Amino acid sequence: MLWIPHQLVGVPLYFNVTLECFTEAHPTSLNYWTREDGHMIHDSKKYRTESNVGMPIYKTHMRLHIYNIQQTDYGTYKCVAKNPRGETDGTIRLY
């Protein structure tokens, strides 16, 4: 199961923003973020990802920090959770 508290997020140019996603999966899922083109987001000067496993262990709180928003950063971001039983994703629109 996956849920996103804020599916539509507005942020001005040159500001920073954090996108959030929550998952519940058993067995534990592989969690990651992508852009709308499907490319996986990796930590860099632009992005920082966090994935905090909660209690109970099947709950995960994912965060994607995006720094110094530029026009090209606006669009759709996907939070993805995969395990041997399947895959689910949710989208966040950044504007």
N, C-alpha and C. Protein backbone atom coordinates (compact mmCIF):
# COMPACT_ATOMS: atom_id res chain seq x y z
N MET A 1 0.85 -1.17 0.00
CA MET A 1 0.00 0.00 0.00
C MET A 1 0.89 1.23 0.00
N LEU A 2 0.44 2.28 -0.66
CA LEU A 2 1.21 3.50 -0.79
C LEU A 2 0.26 4.68 -0.69
N TRP A 3 0.64 5.71 0.02
CA TRP A 3 -0.18 6.91 0.03
C TRP A 3 0.69 8.15 0.08
N ILE A 4 0.15 9.23 -0.50
CA ILE A 4 0.86 10.50 -0.64
C ILE A 4 -0.01 11.58 0.00
N PRO A 5 0.52 12.25 1.04
CA PRO A 5 -0.30 13.26 1.71
C PRO A 5 -0.60 14.50 0.85
N HIS A 6 0.34 14.88 -0.03
CA HIS A 6 0.15 16.08 -0.86
C HIS A 6 0.49 15.72 -2.30
N GLN A 7 -0.54 15.56 -3.13
CA GLN A 7 -0.33 15.15 -4.52
C GLN A 7 -0.08 16.32 -5.46
N LEU A 8 -0.36 17.52 -4.98
CA LEU A 8 -0.15 18.74 -5.75
C LEU A 8 0.63 19.70 -4.87
N VAL A 9 1.86 20.05 -5.29
CA VAL A 9 2.74 20.86 -4.46
C VAL A 9 3.22 22.06 -5.27
N GLY A 10 2.97 23.26 -4.75
CA GLY A 10 3.43 24.48 -5.41
C GLY A 10 4.64 25.05 -4.69
N VAL A 11 5.63 25.46 -5.46
CA VAL A 11 6.84 26.05 -4.88
C VAL A 11 7.40 27.07 -5.87
N PRO A 12 7.83 28.24 -5.36
CA PRO A 12 8.39 29.27 -6.26
C PRO A 12 9.78 28.89 -6.77
N LEU A 13 10.17 29.49 -7.87
CA LEU A 13 11.52 29.31 -8.40
C LEU A 13 12.56 29.64 -7.33
N TYR A 14 13.65 28.91 -7.36
CA TYR A 14 14.84 29.10 -6.51
C TYR A 14 14.65 28.67 -5.05
N PHE A 15 13.47 28.18 -4.70
CA PHE A 15 13.24 27.67 -3.34
C PHE A 15 13.54 26.17 -3.31
N ASN A 16 13.53 25.59 -2.10
CA ASN A 16 13.69 24.15 -1.91
C ASN A 16 12.34 23.55 -1.56
N VAL A 17 12.16 22.26 -1.81
CA VAL A 17 10.90 21.60 -1.48
C VAL A 17 11.18 20.15 -1.09
N THR A 18 10.30 19.59 -0.27
CA THR A 18 10.38 18.19 0.11
C THR A 18 9.07 17.50 -0.25
N LEU A 19 9.16 16.43 -1.04
CA LEU A 19 8.01 15.62 -1.41
C LEU A 19 8.00 14.39 -0.50
N GLU A 20 6.80 13.95 -0.10
CA GLU A 20 6.69 12.84 0.84
C GLU A 20 5.78 11.74 0.31
N CYS A 21 6.10 10.52 0.73
CA CYS A 21 5.35 9.33 0.33
C CYS A 21 5.48 8.30 1.45
N PHE A 22 4.40 7.58 1.72
CA PHE A 22 4.39 6.56 2.76
C PHE A 22 4.03 5.22 2.13
N THR A 23 4.76 4.16 2.53
CA THR A 23 4.46 2.82 2.02
C THR A 23 4.30 1.84 3.17
N GLU A 24 3.53 0.80 2.90
CA GLU A 24 3.42 -0.36 3.79
C GLU A 24 3.54 -1.58 2.91
N ALA A 25 4.50 -2.45 3.23
CA ALA A 25 4.71 -3.64 2.39
C ALA A 25 5.34 -4.76 3.19
N HIS A 26 4.87 -5.98 2.89
CA HIS A 26 5.48 -7.18 3.44
C HIS A 26 5.50 -8.24 2.36
N PRO A 27 6.65 -8.75 1.96
CA PRO A 27 7.96 -8.40 2.52
C PRO A 27 8.33 -6.95 2.21
N THR A 28 9.34 -6.46 2.92
CA THR A 28 9.78 -5.08 2.78
C THR A 28 10.03 -4.75 1.31
N SER A 29 9.66 -3.53 0.93
CA SER A 29 9.77 -3.14 -0.47
C SER A 29 11.06 -2.37 -0.76
N LEU A 30 11.42 -2.40 -2.03
CA LEU A 30 12.47 -1.53 -2.57
C LEU A 30 11.75 -0.24 -2.95
N ASN A 31 12.20 0.89 -2.41
CA ASN A 31 11.51 2.16 -2.63
C ASN A 31 12.44 3.14 -3.34
N TYR A 32 11.87 3.86 -4.31
CA TYR A 32 12.67 4.86 -5.02
C TYR A 32 11.76 5.90 -5.68
N TRP A 33 12.38 6.98 -6.17
CA TRP A 33 11.69 8.08 -6.84
C TRP A 33 12.09 8.13 -8.31
N THR A 34 11.15 8.53 -9.17
CA THR A 34 11.46 8.76 -10.58
C THR A 34 10.83 10.08 -11.02
N ARG A 35 11.31 10.58 -12.16
CA ARG A 35 10.66 11.69 -12.84
C ARG A 35 9.62 11.11 -13.79
N GLU A 36 8.86 11.99 -14.44
CA GLU A 36 7.79 11.53 -15.32
C GLU A 36 8.30 10.71 -16.50
N ASP A 37 9.56 10.88 -16.86
CA ASP A 37 10.12 10.11 -17.98
C ASP A 37 10.56 8.71 -17.55
N GLY A 38 10.42 8.38 -16.26
CA GLY A 38 10.75 7.06 -15.77
C GLY A 38 12.17 6.89 -15.25
N HIS A 39 13.01 7.92 -15.41
CA HIS A 39 14.39 7.82 -14.93
C HIS A 39 14.44 7.94 -13.42
N MET A 40 15.18 7.02 -12.80
CA MET A 40 15.32 6.99 -11.35
C MET A 40 16.11 8.22 -10.87
N ILE A 41 15.69 8.78 -9.74
CA ILE A 41 16.37 9.93 -9.16
C ILE A 41 17.41 9.44 -8.16
N HIS A 42 18.63 9.93 -8.31
CA HIS A 42 19.72 9.58 -7.41
C HIS A 42 20.17 10.83 -6.64
N ASP A 43 20.78 10.62 -5.48
CA ASP A 43 21.28 11.74 -4.70
C ASP A 43 22.33 12.51 -5.49
N SER A 44 22.24 13.84 -5.40
CA SER A 44 23.15 14.73 -6.12
C SER A 44 23.06 16.10 -5.45
N LYS A 45 23.66 17.10 -6.08
CA LYS A 45 23.52 18.48 -5.56
C LYS A 45 22.07 18.95 -5.69
N LYS A 46 21.35 18.39 -6.63
CA LYS A 46 19.96 18.77 -6.91
C LYS A 46 18.96 18.03 -6.03
N TYR A 47 19.20 16.74 -5.79
CA TYR A 47 18.24 15.89 -5.08
C TYR A 47 18.89 15.18 -3.90
N ARG A 48 18.10 14.98 -2.86
CA ARG A 48 18.51 14.10 -1.76
C ARG A 48 17.31 13.24 -1.39
N THR A 49 17.50 11.93 -1.34
CA THR A 49 16.41 11.01 -1.00
C THR A 49 16.61 10.47 0.40
N GLU A 50 15.50 10.22 1.07
CA GLU A 50 15.49 9.59 2.39
C GLU A 50 14.45 8.49 2.38
N SER A 51 14.74 7.43 3.09
CA SER A 51 13.79 6.33 3.24
C SER A 51 13.93 5.81 4.66
N ASN A 52 12.99 6.16 5.52
CA ASN A 52 13.06 5.81 6.94
C ASN A 52 12.06 4.70 7.26
N VAL A 53 12.59 3.57 7.68
CA VAL A 53 11.76 2.45 8.07
C VAL A 53 11.21 2.72 9.46
N GLY A 54 9.92 2.52 9.63
CA GLY A 54 9.25 2.82 10.89
C GLY A 54 8.98 1.58 11.72
N MET A 55 8.14 1.78 12.69
CA MET A 55 7.67 0.68 13.53
C MET A 55 6.18 0.58 13.30
N PRO A 56 5.66 -0.52 12.90
CA PRO A 56 6.36 -1.77 12.60
C PRO A 56 7.21 -1.64 11.34
N ILE A 57 8.06 -2.62 11.14
CA ILE A 57 9.10 -2.58 10.10
C ILE A 57 8.55 -2.48 8.68
N TYR A 58 7.31 -2.85 8.45
CA TYR A 58 6.77 -2.81 7.09
C TYR A 58 6.34 -1.41 6.65
N LYS A 59 6.43 -0.41 7.54
CA LYS A 59 6.07 0.96 7.19
C LYS A 59 7.33 1.77 6.85
N THR A 60 7.27 2.52 5.75
CA THR A 60 8.41 3.35 5.32
C THR A 60 7.92 4.74 4.98
N HIS A 61 8.67 5.74 5.41
CA HIS A 61 8.40 7.14 5.10
C HIS A 61 9.50 7.61 4.15
N MET A 62 9.11 7.91 2.92
CA MET A 62 10.06 8.35 1.90
C MET A 62 9.97 9.86 1.73
N ARG A 63 11.14 10.47 1.52
CA ARG A 63 11.19 11.91 1.24
C ARG A 63 12.13 12.15 0.06
N LEU A 64 11.74 13.11 -0.77
CA LEU A 64 12.60 13.58 -1.85
C LEU A 64 12.79 15.08 -1.66
N HIS A 65 14.02 15.51 -1.38
CA HIS A 65 14.35 16.92 -1.23
C HIS A 65 14.87 17.41 -2.58
N ILE A 66 14.28 18.50 -3.06
CA ILE A 66 14.70 19.11 -4.32
C ILE A 66 15.17 20.52 -4.00
N TYR A 67 16.40 20.83 -4.42
CA TYR A 67 17.01 22.10 -4.07
C TYR A 67 17.02 23.07 -5.24
N ASN A 68 16.88 24.37 -4.92
CA ASN A 68 17.00 25.45 -5.89
C ASN A 68 16.13 25.18 -7.13
N ILE A 69 14.82 25.16 -6.91
CA ILE A 69 13.86 24.83 -7.98
C ILE A 69 14.08 25.72 -9.21
N GLN A 70 14.15 25.04 -10.36
CA GLN A 70 14.25 25.69 -11.66
C GLN A 70 13.02 25.31 -12.48
N GLN A 71 12.79 26.00 -13.57
CA GLN A 71 11.64 25.73 -14.42
C GLN A 71 11.59 24.25 -14.84
N THR A 72 12.75 23.66 -15.11
CA THR A 72 12.81 22.28 -15.57
C THR A 72 12.44 21.27 -14.47
N ASP A 73 12.38 21.72 -13.21
CA ASP A 73 12.03 20.82 -12.11
C ASP A 73 10.52 20.62 -11.98
N TYR A 74 9.74 21.52 -12.55
CA TYR A 74 8.29 21.39 -12.45
C TYR A 74 7.83 20.19 -13.28
N GLY A 75 6.79 19.52 -12.80
CA GLY A 75 6.27 18.35 -13.51
C GLY A 75 5.91 17.26 -12.52
N THR A 76 5.89 16.04 -12.99
CA THR A 76 5.44 14.90 -12.20
C THR A 76 6.61 14.10 -11.64
N TYR A 77 6.48 13.74 -10.37
CA TYR A 77 7.44 12.87 -9.68
C TYR A 77 6.68 11.64 -9.21
N LYS A 78 7.34 10.48 -9.27
CA LYS A 78 6.71 9.23 -8.85
C LYS A 78 7.48 8.62 -7.70
N CYS A 79 6.72 8.15 -6.74
CA CYS A 79 7.24 7.38 -5.62
C CYS A 79 6.86 5.93 -5.93
N VAL A 80 7.86 5.03 -5.94
CA VAL A 80 7.63 3.64 -6.35
C VAL A 80 8.03 2.69 -5.22
N ALA A 81 7.21 1.67 -5.00
CA ALA A 81 7.51 0.60 -4.03
C ALA A 81 7.35 -0.73 -4.73
N LYS A 82 8.41 -1.58 -4.68
CA LYS A 82 8.39 -2.90 -5.33
C LYS A 82 8.83 -3.96 -4.33
N ASN A 83 8.15 -5.10 -4.38
CA ASN A 83 8.61 -6.28 -3.65
C ASN A 83 8.21 -7.51 -4.46
N PRO A 84 8.55 -8.72 -4.00
CA PRO A 84 8.22 -9.91 -4.80
C PRO A 84 6.72 -10.10 -5.06
N ARG A 85 5.88 -9.44 -4.29
CA ARG A 85 4.43 -9.59 -4.48
C ARG A 85 3.83 -8.56 -5.43
N GLY A 86 4.64 -7.60 -5.88
CA GLY A 86 4.10 -6.62 -6.81
C GLY A 86 4.76 -5.26 -6.72
N GLU A 87 4.13 -4.31 -7.38
CA GLU A 87 4.65 -2.95 -7.47
C GLU A 87 3.48 -1.98 -7.39
N THR A 88 3.73 -0.85 -6.75
CA THR A 88 2.74 0.23 -6.73
C THR A 88 3.48 1.55 -6.80
N ASP A 89 2.78 2.58 -7.28
CA ASP A 89 3.40 3.90 -7.33
C ASP A 89 2.34 4.97 -7.13
N GLY A 90 2.82 6.14 -6.81
CA GLY A 90 1.95 7.30 -6.65
C GLY A 90 2.64 8.50 -7.26
N THR A 91 1.86 9.48 -7.68
CA THR A 91 2.45 10.64 -8.35
C THR A 91 2.21 11.92 -7.55
N ILE A 92 3.17 12.81 -7.69
CA ILE A 92 3.09 14.15 -7.11
C ILE A 92 3.37 15.12 -8.24
N ARG A 93 2.51 16.10 -8.39
CA ARG A 93 2.69 17.14 -9.41
C ARG A 93 3.30 18.36 -8.74
N LEU A 94 4.49 18.75 -9.18
CA LEU A 94 5.18 19.93 -8.67
C LEU A 94 4.95 21.07 -9.64
N TYR A 95 4.45 22.20 -9.13
CA TYR A 95 4.19 23.36 -10.01
C TYR A 95 4.69 24.63 -9.37
